[in-house]
Amino acid sequence: MRVVERMLAWGLATLVTVAMPARAEWVRVSGTAMTTAIEMEFWSEDPAVASEAGDAVLALFDRIDHQMSRYREDSELSRVNREAADGPVEVSDSLFTVLQQAKRISELSNGAFDISFGSIGYLYDFRARQQPSDEELAEGLAKVDYKSVVLDPSANTVRFLDEGIRLDLGGIAKGYAVDRGIDILKSFGIRQARLSAGGDLRLLGDKRGKPWIVGIRDPRSESRNAMVLPLTNVAVSTSGDYERFFFDANHERVHHILSPATGKPAKGVQSVTILGDDSITTDGLSTAVFVLGAAKGLEMINELEGIDAIIIDERRQVHYSDGLMAPESGS
């Protein structure tokens, strides 16, 4: 069972870990992979072990990126997107594990999370501030259907029932990488660690007798937290409408969390934070709840054992799952 401190302090989501003063035994390692910043902090008394462990985690992220990025033509996922409509494609254990979990969350959320949303996701270019026309969306939406993705556990194969399906694991692959990264740190004998990749964070143990302090960012401020949480041994994932976005000609925010039902940015929520036992689950669920909205999202979360949620809606009201106590107001 995870340990989640129920005391929450106001402050009003990328995640920000509030670091304690550094000591010689605390090792900090950072890098970039999967188009995001990778940061870790862990306790190690052996500098050689610390260096090897940090390098191993960063190498893992790079390997997973090469496997699961839809932006790399030579990735395993890109091969699946090219070939799975023609017949079953055998994939690695790691990719199959992510696909299985992604499909499970797709089913759990009735398609609010849908791994085939790449059929519309590629129509958006956030750097160029471009979004698809209604005609392009309609054509892409016809290809969005997780039920058309068939997984065969006996053969580790993936096949598509229809042409034109494109898988995108951007909403779950980083969570998987964080989990595997924690496994690597454990294999080096590390028992207290924090590992984050963008909005996905996993805490191993506590911080030498104290909880880790994790801040959830105010979705409308780059420098202020909505709240801070004292946590131990838990996975935390946040999806926010401020991560990748631009404003259109009508001053509407166009962000990257797309509704598989409409092909357009989901509305009604500014950020969703999910707490659970593993990052692959919290990563996928944070996207699903964002698309579902506060009411339906909390209804789903409250049915799941060991999962909690904090939602900031478009009116900036904060909603909590049944497993969390609302914080008292503070300065």
Protein backbone atom coordinates (compact mmCIF):
# COMPACT_ATOMS: atom_id res chain seq x y z
CA MET A 1 0.00 0.00 0.00
CA ARG A 2 1.26 3.45 -0.79
CA VAL A 3 1.70 6.05 1.91
CA VAL A 4 0.01 9.33 1.07
CA GLU A 5 -0.04 12.05 3.66
CA ARG A 6 -3.55 13.54 3.76
CA MET A 7 -2.38 16.96 4.92
CA LEU A 8 -2.50 19.33 1.96
CA ALA A 9 -1.42 22.95 2.16
CA TRP A 10 -2.79 25.69 -0.09
CA GLY A 11 -0.46 27.58 -2.18
CA LEU A 12 -3.64 27.69 -6.58
CA ALA A 13 0.07 21.19 -13.46
CA THR A 14 3.77 20.10 -14.83
CA LEU A 15 4.81 18.91 -11.34
CA VAL A 16 7.33 20.77 -9.21
CA THR A 17 9.20 18.96 -6.46
CA VAL A 18 10.23 21.29 -3.67
CA ALA A 19 13.78 20.18 -3.02
CA MET A 20 15.30 20.12 0.44
CA PRO A 21 18.84 21.48 0.98
CA ALA A 22 21.38 19.27 -0.78
CA ARG A 23 23.68 17.05 1.22
CA ALA A 24 26.71 15.16 -0.03
CA GLU A 25 24.87 11.83 -0.05
CA TRP A 26 21.98 13.10 -2.16
CA VAL A 27 22.73 12.66 -5.86
CA ARG A 28 20.96 14.69 -8.51
CA VAL A 29 20.97 13.66 -12.18
CA SER A 30 19.18 15.31 -15.09
CA GLY A 31 18.91 14.83 -18.82
CA THR A 32 16.51 15.06 -21.73
CA ALA A 33 14.66 12.20 -23.43
CA MET A 34 11.20 11.55 -24.89
CA THR A 35 11.01 15.30 -25.63
CA THR A 36 10.98 16.15 -21.93
CA ALA A 37 13.29 16.86 -19.01
CA ILE A 38 14.31 13.86 -16.91
CA GLU A 39 15.23 14.60 -13.30
CA MET A 40 16.15 12.29 -10.47
CA GLU A 41 17.35 12.62 -6.92
CA PHE A 42 18.39 9.66 -4.81
CA TRP A 43 20.39 8.71 -1.74
CA SER A 44 23.63 6.84 -2.36
CA GLU A 45 26.75 6.52 -0.27
CA ASP A 46 28.86 5.19 -3.17
CA PRO A 47 29.69 7.77 -5.89
CA ALA A 48 30.53 5.05 -8.41
CA VAL A 49 27.21 3.31 -7.89
CA ALA A 50 25.39 6.63 -8.09
CA SER A 51 27.01 7.51 -11.41
CA GLU A 52 26.27 4.11 -12.91
CA ALA A 53 22.67 4.15 -11.70
CA GLY A 54 21.98 7.62 -13.11
CA ASP A 55 23.49 6.73 -16.48
CA ALA A 56 21.47 3.51 -16.62
CA VAL A 57 18.18 5.35 -16.04
CA LEU A 58 18.90 7.95 -18.73
CA ALA A 59 19.89 5.18 -21.16
CA LEU A 60 16.60 3.44 -20.42
CA PHE A 61 14.60 6.54 -21.32
CA ASP A 62 16.51 6.83 -24.57
CA ARG A 63 15.78 3.18 -25.46
CA ILE A 64 12.08 3.56 -24.74
CA ASP A 65 11.97 6.72 -26.84
CA HIS A 66 13.49 4.81 -29.76
CA GLN A 67 10.89 2.09 -29.29
CA MET A 68 7.72 4.07 -28.67
CA SER A 69 8.00 7.47 -30.36
CA ARG A 70 5.61 8.08 -33.24
CA TYR A 71 7.93 10.87 -34.41
CA ARG A 72 10.77 8.44 -35.24
CA GLU A 73 10.36 6.62 -38.53
CA ASP A 74 12.63 3.84 -37.26
CA SER A 75 10.78 3.28 -33.97
CA GLU A 76 8.99 0.05 -33.18
CA LEU A 77 5.72 1.96 -32.81
CA SER A 78 6.11 3.54 -36.26
CA ARG A 79 6.58 0.06 -37.73
CA VAL A 80 3.34 -1.02 -36.06
CA ASN A 81 1.53 2.01 -37.50
CA ARG A 82 2.81 1.15 -40.98
CA GLU A 83 2.23 -2.60 -40.97
CA ALA A 84 -0.46 -3.63 -38.47
CA ALA A 85 -3.36 -3.01 -40.88
CA ASP A 86 -1.86 -5.68 -43.17
CA GLY A 87 -1.60 -8.32 -40.46
CA PRO A 88 -0.27 -9.11 -36.97
CA VAL A 89 3.03 -7.40 -36.07
CA GLU A 90 5.17 -8.99 -33.38
CA VAL A 91 6.52 -6.47 -30.87
CA SER A 92 8.86 -6.41 -27.89
CA ASP A 93 7.65 -7.27 -24.39
CA SER A 94 7.99 -3.65 -23.28
CA LEU A 95 5.90 -2.22 -26.12
CA PHE A 96 3.29 -4.94 -25.68
CA THR A 97 3.06 -4.16 -21.95
CA VAL A 98 2.41 -0.47 -22.68
CA LEU A 99 -0.16 -1.31 -25.37
CA GLN A 100 -1.98 -3.65 -22.99
CA GLN A 101 -2.15 -1.03 -20.25
CA ALA A 102 -3.17 1.67 -22.73
CA LYS A 103 -6.01 -0.48 -24.01
CA ARG A 104 -7.10 -1.27 -20.45
CA ILE A 105 -7.41 2.43 -19.65
CA SER A 106 -9.15 3.01 -22.98
CA GLU A 107 -11.76 0.43 -21.97
CA LEU A 108 -12.00 1.68 -18.39
CA SER A 109 -12.67 5.26 -19.56
CA ASN A 110 -14.97 4.24 -22.44
CA GLY A 111 -12.56 5.77 -24.91
CA ALA A 112 -11.84 9.07 -23.14
CA PHE A 113 -8.26 7.81 -23.31
CA ASP A 114 -7.71 6.25 -26.75
CA ILE A 115 -4.34 5.07 -28.02
CA SER A 116 -5.53 5.46 -31.62
CA PHE A 117 -5.96 9.23 -31.22
CA GLY A 118 -2.75 9.63 -33.23
CA SER A 119 -5.09 9.57 -36.24
CA ILE A 120 -6.08 13.12 -35.27
CA GLY A 121 -3.17 14.16 -33.07
CA TYR A 122 -0.78 14.39 -36.00
CA LEU A 123 -3.05 17.02 -37.59
CA TYR A 124 -2.01 19.54 -34.91
CA ASP A 125 1.28 21.43 -34.99
CA PHE A 126 1.69 23.36 -31.75
CA ARG A 127 5.00 24.92 -32.72
CA ALA A 128 3.53 26.27 -35.93
CA ARG A 129 0.23 27.11 -34.19
CA GLN A 130 -1.74 25.07 -36.69
CA GLN A 131 -4.90 23.05 -36.18
CA PRO A 132 -6.93 20.97 -38.63
CA SER A 133 -10.00 22.05 -40.56
CA ASP A 134 -13.39 20.51 -39.75
CA GLU A 135 -13.08 18.36 -42.89
CA GLU A 136 -9.67 17.05 -41.83
CA LEU A 137 -10.96 16.32 -38.34
CA ALA A 138 -13.93 14.39 -39.66
CA GLU A 139 -11.65 12.23 -41.80
CA GLY A 140 -9.27 11.59 -38.91
CA LEU A 141 -12.00 10.87 -36.38
CA ALA A 142 -13.27 8.04 -38.54
CA LYS A 143 -9.99 6.25 -37.74
CA VAL A 144 -10.07 6.76 -33.96
CA ASP A 145 -11.27 3.54 -32.32
CA TYR A 146 -9.24 1.62 -29.75
CA LYS A 147 -11.54 -1.37 -30.32
CA SER A 148 -9.91 -1.75 -33.74
CA VAL A 149 -6.55 -2.44 -32.08
CA VAL A 150 -6.25 -6.20 -31.47
CA LEU A 151 -3.61 -7.51 -29.07
CA ASP A 152 -2.64 -11.18 -28.91
CA PRO A 153 -0.80 -11.99 -25.66
CA SER A 154 0.05 -15.52 -26.80
CA ALA A 155 2.10 -14.18 -29.72
CA ASN A 156 2.95 -10.61 -28.57
CA THR A 157 1.35 -9.24 -31.72
CA VAL A 158 -0.65 -6.16 -32.65
CA ARG A 159 -2.99 -5.80 -35.61
CA PHE A 160 -5.46 -3.18 -36.79
CA LEU A 161 -8.93 -4.02 -38.03
CA ASP A 162 -9.03 -0.90 -40.21
CA GLU A 163 -6.70 1.05 -42.46
CA GLY A 164 -5.42 4.45 -41.37
CA ILE A 165 -5.17 3.82 -37.62
CA ARG A 166 -2.22 5.52 -35.94
CA LEU A 167 -1.22 4.73 -32.38
CA ASP A 168 0.25 7.43 -30.14
CA LEU A 169 1.64 6.50 -26.73
CA GLY A 170 2.45 10.05 -25.68
CA GLY A 171 -0.12 9.79 -22.87
CA ILE A 172 1.36 6.70 -21.24
CA ALA A 173 4.89 5.82 -22.40
CA LYS A 174 6.64 8.29 -20.07
CA GLY A 175 4.81 6.76 -17.13
CA TYR A 176 6.08 3.33 -18.14
CA ALA A 177 9.63 4.70 -18.44
CA VAL A 178 9.43 6.24 -14.96
CA ASP A 179 8.34 2.91 -13.48
CA ARG A 180 11.17 1.05 -15.19
CA GLY A 181 13.59 3.76 -14.08
CA ILE A 182 12.61 3.21 -10.46
CA ASP A 183 13.17 -0.53 -10.98
CA ILE A 184 16.71 0.22 -12.17
CA LEU A 185 17.43 2.39 -9.13
CA LYS A 186 16.17 -0.41 -6.88
CA SER A 187 18.49 -2.86 -8.64
CA PHE A 188 21.43 -0.67 -7.55
CA GLY A 189 20.29 -0.91 -3.93
CA ILE A 190 18.75 2.57 -3.86
CA ARG A 191 15.77 2.86 -1.50
CA GLN A 192 15.02 6.60 -1.41
CA ALA A 193 14.52 8.32 -4.76
CA ARG A 194 12.50 10.80 -6.78
CA LEU A 195 12.29 10.35 -10.56
CA SER A 196 10.30 12.64 -12.85
CA ALA A 197 9.71 12.97 -16.58
CA GLY A 198 7.63 16.04 -17.34
CA GLY A 199 4.30 15.61 -15.56
CA ASP A 200 5.05 12.08 -14.35
CA LEU A 201 6.70 11.56 -10.98
CA ARG A 202 7.50 8.46 -8.93
CA LEU A 203 8.70 8.52 -5.35
CA LEU A 204 10.60 5.58 -3.88
CA GLY A 205 10.42 5.51 -0.11
CA ASP A 206 10.67 8.73 1.86
CA LYS A 207 13.32 11.43 2.11
CA ARG A 208 15.40 10.00 4.94
CA GLY A 209 12.66 10.09 7.57
CA LYS A 210 10.66 12.95 6.07
CA PRO A 211 8.08 12.99 3.28
CA TRP A 212 8.94 14.30 -0.14
CA ILE A 213 7.28 17.64 -0.78
CA VAL A 214 5.58 17.81 -4.18
CA GLY A 215 3.96 20.93 -5.57
CA ILE A 216 1.09 21.00 -8.07
CA ARG A 217 1.47 24.06 -10.23
CA ASP A 218 -1.21 26.68 -10.63
CA PRO A 219 -2.34 26.09 -14.24
CA ARG A 220 -2.35 29.83 -14.87
CA SER A 221 0.98 30.68 -13.24
CA GLU A 222 4.51 29.55 -14.07
CA SER A 223 5.83 30.39 -10.62
CA ARG A 224 3.07 29.57 -8.15
CA ASN A 225 1.78 26.26 -6.81
CA ALA A 226 -1.89 25.46 -6.40
CA MET A 227 -0.96 23.29 -3.43
CA VAL A 228 1.82 21.21 -1.97
CA LEU A 229 1.58 17.59 -0.88
CA PRO A 230 3.79 15.67 1.57
CA LEU A 231 4.13 12.21 -0.04
CA THR A 232 6.04 8.96 0.21
CA ASN A 233 6.28 5.89 -2.01
CA VAL A 234 3.72 6.97 -4.60
CA ALA A 235 3.31 7.75 -8.30
CA VAL A 236 1.93 11.16 -9.26
CA SER A 237 0.96 12.28 -12.78
CA THR A 238 -0.44 15.62 -13.88
CA SER A 239 -2.01 16.59 -17.19
CA GLY A 240 -2.57 20.29 -17.81
CA ASP A 241 -3.85 22.50 -20.60
CA TYR A 242 -0.77 24.72 -20.26
CA GLU A 243 1.85 22.15 -21.26
CA ARG A 244 1.57 22.57 -25.04
CA PHE A 245 -0.85 25.17 -26.36
CA PHE A 246 -1.42 28.27 -28.43
CA PHE A 247 -4.25 30.77 -28.80
CA ASP A 248 -6.27 30.82 -32.00
CA ALA A 249 -7.67 33.88 -33.79
CA ASN A 250 -10.62 33.90 -31.38
CA HIS A 251 -8.28 33.88 -28.36
CA GLU A 252 -9.34 30.32 -27.52
CA ARG A 253 -6.71 28.09 -25.93
CA VAL A 254 -5.77 25.22 -28.25
CA HIS A 255 -3.97 22.59 -26.15
CA HIS A 256 -2.65 19.09 -26.72
CA ILE A 257 -5.10 17.04 -24.63
CA LEU A 258 -7.57 16.09 -27.33
CA SER A 259 -11.00 14.54 -26.92
CA PRO A 260 -11.20 11.35 -29.02
CA ALA A 261 -14.91 12.08 -29.48
CA THR A 262 -14.48 15.51 -31.10
CA GLY A 263 -10.83 15.65 -32.14
CA LYS A 264 -10.59 19.03 -30.42
CA PRO A 265 -8.97 20.09 -27.13
CA ALA A 266 -10.97 18.85 -24.14
CA LYS A 267 -12.81 21.57 -22.26
CA GLY A 268 -13.92 22.10 -18.68
CA VAL A 269 -10.66 21.32 -16.87
CA GLN A 270 -7.32 23.10 -16.43
CA SER A 271 -5.35 20.32 -14.74
CA VAL A 272 -5.73 16.81 -13.38
CA THR A 273 -3.39 15.15 -10.89
CA ILE A 274 -3.63 11.40 -10.25
CA LEU A 275 -1.97 9.55 -7.35
CA GLY A 276 -1.47 5.79 -7.41
CA ASP A 277 0.97 2.94 -7.06
CA ASP A 278 2.59 3.08 -10.51
CA SER A 279 3.22 5.76 -13.10
CA ILE A 280 1.97 3.89 -16.16
CA THR A 281 -1.49 3.86 -14.55
CA THR A 282 -1.46 7.42 -13.22
CA ASP A 283 -0.14 8.74 -16.55
CA GLY A 284 -2.96 7.22 -18.59
CA LEU A 285 -5.64 8.07 -16.04
CA SER A 286 -4.63 11.75 -15.84
CA THR A 287 -5.40 12.11 -19.55
CA ALA A 288 -8.62 10.10 -19.29
CA VAL A 289 -9.95 12.18 -16.38
CA PHE A 290 -9.02 15.44 -18.13
CA VAL A 291 -11.13 14.41 -21.12
CA LEU A 292 -14.01 13.10 -18.99
CA GLY A 293 -14.21 16.27 -16.91
CA ALA A 294 -14.53 16.68 -13.15
CA ALA A 295 -17.87 14.94 -12.51
CA LYS A 296 -17.43 11.87 -14.72
CA GLY A 297 -13.72 11.70 -13.99
CA LEU A 298 -14.21 11.56 -10.23
CA GLU A 299 -16.98 9.01 -10.66
CA MET A 300 -14.51 6.72 -12.42
CA ILE A 301 -11.65 7.38 -9.98
CA ASN A 302 -13.81 6.73 -6.92
CA GLU A 303 -14.49 3.23 -8.23
CA LEU A 304 -10.76 2.40 -8.45
CA GLU A 305 -8.93 1.06 -5.42
CA GLY A 306 -5.71 2.85 -4.50
CA ILE A 307 -6.22 5.75 -6.91
CA ASP A 308 -6.87 9.40 -5.98
CA ALA A 309 -7.40 12.55 -8.03
CA ILE A 310 -7.15 16.32 -7.69
CA ILE A 311 -8.86 18.31 -10.43
CA ILE A 312 -8.76 22.05 -11.09
CA ASP A 313 -11.65 22.93 -13.38
CA GLU A 314 -12.06 25.82 -15.82
CA ARG A 315 -13.59 27.97 -13.05
CA ARG A 316 -10.49 27.21 -10.96
CA GLN A 317 -12.45 25.21 -8.42
CA VAL A 318 -10.59 22.27 -6.92
CA HIS A 319 -12.20 18.82 -6.76
CA TYR A 320 -10.93 15.81 -4.77
CA SER A 321 -11.61 12.11 -4.98
CA ASP A 322 -13.16 10.41 -1.98
CA GLY A 323 -9.79 9.21 -0.71
CA LEU A 324 -8.45 12.71 -0.18
CA MET A 325 -9.35 15.31 2.40
CA ALA A 326 -9.79 18.87 1.19
CA PRO A 327 -7.06 21.19 2.49
CA GLU A 328 -7.70 23.96 4.94
CA SER A 329 -7.28 27.46 3.58
CA GLY A 330 -3.95 29.07 4.24
CA SER A 331 -1.71 31.87 3.09
